[in-house]
Amino acid sequence: MSIQGLDKMGKVKVKLFAHLRQAAGMKEVDIEINEGETIKDLIGKLSRRFGKDFEDRIRDPLTGSLAPFLIMVGQEEISSVKGNLNHKLRDGDTVSLLEPVGGGW
């Protein structure tokens, strides 16, 4: 039984790095989630909250699919490349969105 306003599960803390941090204008944000919401749902909420610049950085401009990111839920790695965006979130989770970094000599 769901009563309006009582189906909220809680919040997750989202930590943003590099270009996503620039687009959002902050390094972390708390986002309310409902029971059963996933990484995919969270990314949609972040895109709506932070707008086009954020959306352009988190999605491939040619395909519209999620750009390659390392997504951490707590200490668990959820790769956007592997497509595990259906990972269900829980109240109190910390989600980190990190862009891949390459380099060398």
C-alpha atoms as a PDB file:
ATOM      1  CA  MET A   1       0.000   0.000   0.000  1.00  0.00           C
ATOM      2  CA  SER A   2       1.436   3.324  -1.036  1.00  0.00           C
ATOM      3  CA  ILE A   3       0.368   6.607   0.476  1.00  0.00           C
ATOM      4  CA  GLN A   4       1.451   9.732  -1.368  1.00  0.00           C
ATOM      5  CA  GLY A   5       4.750  10.959   0.036  1.00  0.00           C
ATOM      6  CA  LEU A   6       5.359   7.806   2.069  1.00  0.00           C
ATOM      7  CA  ASP A   7       6.872   5.716  -0.726  1.00  0.00           C
ATOM      8  CA  LYS A   8      10.159   7.655  -0.544  1.00  0.00           C
ATOM      9  CA  MET A   9      12.944   5.322   0.334  1.00  0.00           C
ATOM     10  CA  GLY A  10      15.551   7.866   1.256  1.00  0.00           C
ATOM     11  CA  LYS A  11      18.600   9.541  -0.192  1.00  0.00           C
ATOM     12  CA  VAL A  12      21.836   8.685  -1.894  1.00  0.00           C
ATOM     13  CA  LYS A  13      24.940  10.852  -1.876  1.00  0.00           C
ATOM     14  CA  VAL A  14      26.421  11.358  -5.338  1.00  0.00           C
ATOM     15  CA  LYS A  15      30.079  12.346  -5.650  1.00  0.00           C
ATOM     16  CA  LEU A  16      31.037  13.992  -8.936  1.00  0.00           C
ATOM     17  CA  PHE A  17      34.516  14.275 -10.412  1.00  0.00           C
ATOM     18  CA  ALA A  18      36.261  16.131 -13.260  1.00  0.00           C
ATOM     19  CA  HIS A  19      33.953  17.365 -16.045  1.00  0.00           C
ATOM     20  CA  LEU A  20      30.771  16.235 -14.305  1.00  0.00           C
ATOM     21  CA  ARG A  21      31.766  18.269 -11.266  1.00  0.00           C
ATOM     22  CA  GLN A  22      32.298  21.300 -13.519  1.00  0.00           C
ATOM     23  CA  ALA A  23      28.932  20.831 -15.234  1.00  0.00           C
ATOM     24  CA  ALA A  24      27.077  20.437 -11.928  1.00  0.00           C
ATOM     25  CA  GLY A  25      28.953  23.212 -10.164  1.00  0.00           C
ATOM     26  CA  MET A  26      29.393  21.061  -7.070  1.00  0.00           C
ATOM     27  CA  LYS A  27      31.417  18.085  -5.932  1.00  0.00           C
ATOM     28  CA  GLU A  28      28.590  16.171  -4.270  1.00  0.00           C
ATOM     29  CA  VAL A  29      24.823  16.233  -4.029  1.00  0.00           C
ATOM     30  CA  ASP A  30      22.139  14.333  -2.117  1.00  0.00           C
ATOM     31  CA  ILE A  31      19.380  12.921  -4.332  1.00  0.00           C
ATOM     32  CA  GLU A  32      16.090  11.492  -3.078  1.00  0.00           C
ATOM     33  CA  ILE A  33      15.290   8.027  -4.360  1.00  0.00           C
ATOM     34  CA  ASN A  34      12.256   5.788  -4.276  1.00  0.00           C
ATOM     35  CA  GLU A  35      12.275   2.103  -3.482  1.00  0.00           C
ATOM     36  CA  GLY A  36      13.559   0.067  -6.420  1.00  0.00           C
ATOM     37  CA  GLU A  37      15.249   2.939  -8.245  1.00  0.00           C
ATOM     38  CA  THR A  38      18.403   2.107 -10.168  1.00  0.00           C
ATOM     39  CA  ILE A  39      21.621   3.730 -11.361  1.00  0.00           C
ATOM     40  CA  LYS A  40      19.803   4.478 -14.631  1.00  0.00           C
ATOM     41  CA  ASP A  41      17.053   6.319 -12.723  1.00  0.00           C
ATOM     42  CA  LEU A  42      19.655   8.251 -10.746  1.00  0.00           C
ATOM     43  CA  ILE A  43      21.452   9.387 -13.905  1.00  0.00           C
ATOM     44  CA  GLY A  44      18.135  10.629 -15.279  1.00  0.00           C
ATOM     45  CA  LYS A  45      17.517  12.623 -12.094  1.00  0.00           C
ATOM     46  CA  LEU A  46      21.005  14.117 -12.227  1.00  0.00           C
ATOM     47  CA  SER A  47      20.561  15.097 -15.885  1.00  0.00           C
ATOM     48  CA  ARG A  48      17.243  16.803 -15.163  1.00  0.00           C
ATOM     49  CA  ARG A  49      18.665  18.606 -12.147  1.00  0.00           C
ATOM     50  CA  PHE A  50      21.880  19.871 -13.755  1.00  0.00           C
ATOM     51  CA  GLY A  51      20.715  20.402 -17.337  1.00  0.00           C
ATOM     52  CA  LYS A  52      22.143  20.199 -20.826  1.00  0.00           C
ATOM     53  CA  ASP A  53      25.835  20.678 -20.015  1.00  0.00           C
ATOM     54  CA  PHE A  54      25.714  17.762 -17.564  1.00  0.00           C
ATOM     55  CA  GLU A  55      23.683  15.626 -20.001  1.00  0.00           C
ATOM     56  CA  ASP A  56      26.151  16.349 -22.816  1.00  0.00           C
ATOM     57  CA  ARG A  57      29.045  15.189 -20.646  1.00  0.00           C
ATOM     58  CA  ILE A  58      27.447  12.018 -19.312  1.00  0.00           C
ATOM     59  CA  ARG A  59      26.111  10.773 -22.661  1.00  0.00           C
ATOM     60  CA  ASP A  60      27.837  10.061 -25.961  1.00  0.00           C
ATOM     61  CA  PRO A  61      26.708  12.874 -28.275  1.00  0.00           C
ATOM     62  CA  LEU A  62      26.521  10.574 -31.312  1.00  0.00           C
ATOM     63  CA  THR A  63      24.653   7.616 -29.843  1.00  0.00           C
ATOM     64  CA  GLY A  64      22.903   9.098 -26.801  1.00  0.00           C
ATOM     65  CA  SER A  65      24.124   6.139 -24.765  1.00  0.00           C
ATOM     66  CA  LEU A  66      25.920   6.619 -21.486  1.00  0.00           C
ATOM     67  CA  ALA A  67      29.546   7.635 -21.931  1.00  0.00           C
ATOM     68  CA  PRO A  68      32.177   5.307 -20.431  1.00  0.00           C
ATOM     69  CA  PHE A  69      32.289   6.014 -16.709  1.00  0.00           C
ATOM     70  CA  LEU A  70      33.400   4.197 -13.631  1.00  0.00           C
ATOM     71  CA  ILE A  71      30.436   4.130 -11.296  1.00  0.00           C
ATOM     72  CA  MET A  72      31.080   3.131  -7.708  1.00  0.00           C
ATOM     73  CA  VAL A  73      28.294   2.303  -5.270  1.00  0.00           C
ATOM     74  CA  GLY A  74      30.113   2.264  -1.970  1.00  0.00           C
ATOM     75  CA  GLN A  75      33.095   0.019  -2.698  1.00  0.00           C
ATOM     76  CA  GLU A  76      31.356  -1.894  -5.518  1.00  0.00           C
ATOM     77  CA  GLU A  77      32.333  -1.103  -9.102  1.00  0.00           C
ATOM     78  CA  ILE A  78      29.476  -0.655 -11.544  1.00  0.00           C
ATOM     79  CA  SER A  79      30.838   0.105 -15.018  1.00  0.00           C
ATOM     80  CA  SER A  80      28.676   2.060 -17.460  1.00  0.00           C
ATOM     81  CA  VAL A  81      30.421   0.168 -20.261  1.00  0.00           C
ATOM     82  CA  LYS A  82      29.223  -3.202 -18.936  1.00  0.00           C
ATOM     83  CA  GLY A  83      25.701  -1.802 -18.868  1.00  0.00           C
ATOM     84  CA  ASN A  84      24.911  -2.702 -15.271  1.00  0.00           C
ATOM     85  CA  LEU A  85      22.682   0.340 -14.885  1.00  0.00           C
ATOM     86  CA  ASN A  86      19.879  -1.711 -13.325  1.00  0.00           C
ATOM     87  CA  HIS A  87      21.756  -1.961 -10.024  1.00  0.00           C
ATOM     88  CA  LYS A  88      19.185  -1.069  -7.341  1.00  0.00           C
ATOM     89  CA  LEU A  89      20.067   1.720  -4.957  1.00  0.00           C
ATOM     90  CA  ARG A  90      19.445   1.741  -1.221  1.00  0.00           C
ATOM     91  CA  ASP A  91      18.944   4.539   1.251  1.00  0.00           C
ATOM     92  CA  GLY A  92      22.318   5.853   2.377  1.00  0.00           C
ATOM     93  CA  ASP A  93      24.308   4.597  -0.624  1.00  0.00           C
ATOM     94  CA  THR A  94      27.209   6.724  -1.831  1.00  0.00           C
ATOM     95  CA  VAL A  95      27.529   6.776  -5.614  1.00  0.00           C
ATOM     96  CA  SER A  96      30.708   8.096  -7.248  1.00  0.00           C
ATOM     97  CA  LEU A  97      30.813   8.983 -10.956  1.00  0.00           C
ATOM     98  CA  LEU A  98      34.376   8.972 -12.285  1.00  0.00           C
ATOM     99  CA  GLU A  99      35.562   9.590 -15.818  1.00  0.00           C
ATOM    100  CA  PRO A 100      38.235   7.252 -17.147  1.00  0.00           C
ATOM    101  CA  VAL A 101      41.710   8.735 -17.103  1.00  0.00           C
ATOM    102  CA  GLY A 102      44.537   7.615 -19.311  1.00  0.00           C
ATOM    103  CA  GLY A 103      48.058   8.749 -19.560  1.00  0.00           C
ATOM    104  CA  GLY A 104      51.632   7.834 -19.463  1.00  0.00           C
ATOM    105  CA  TRP A 105      54.992   8.958 -20.581  1.00  0.00           C
END
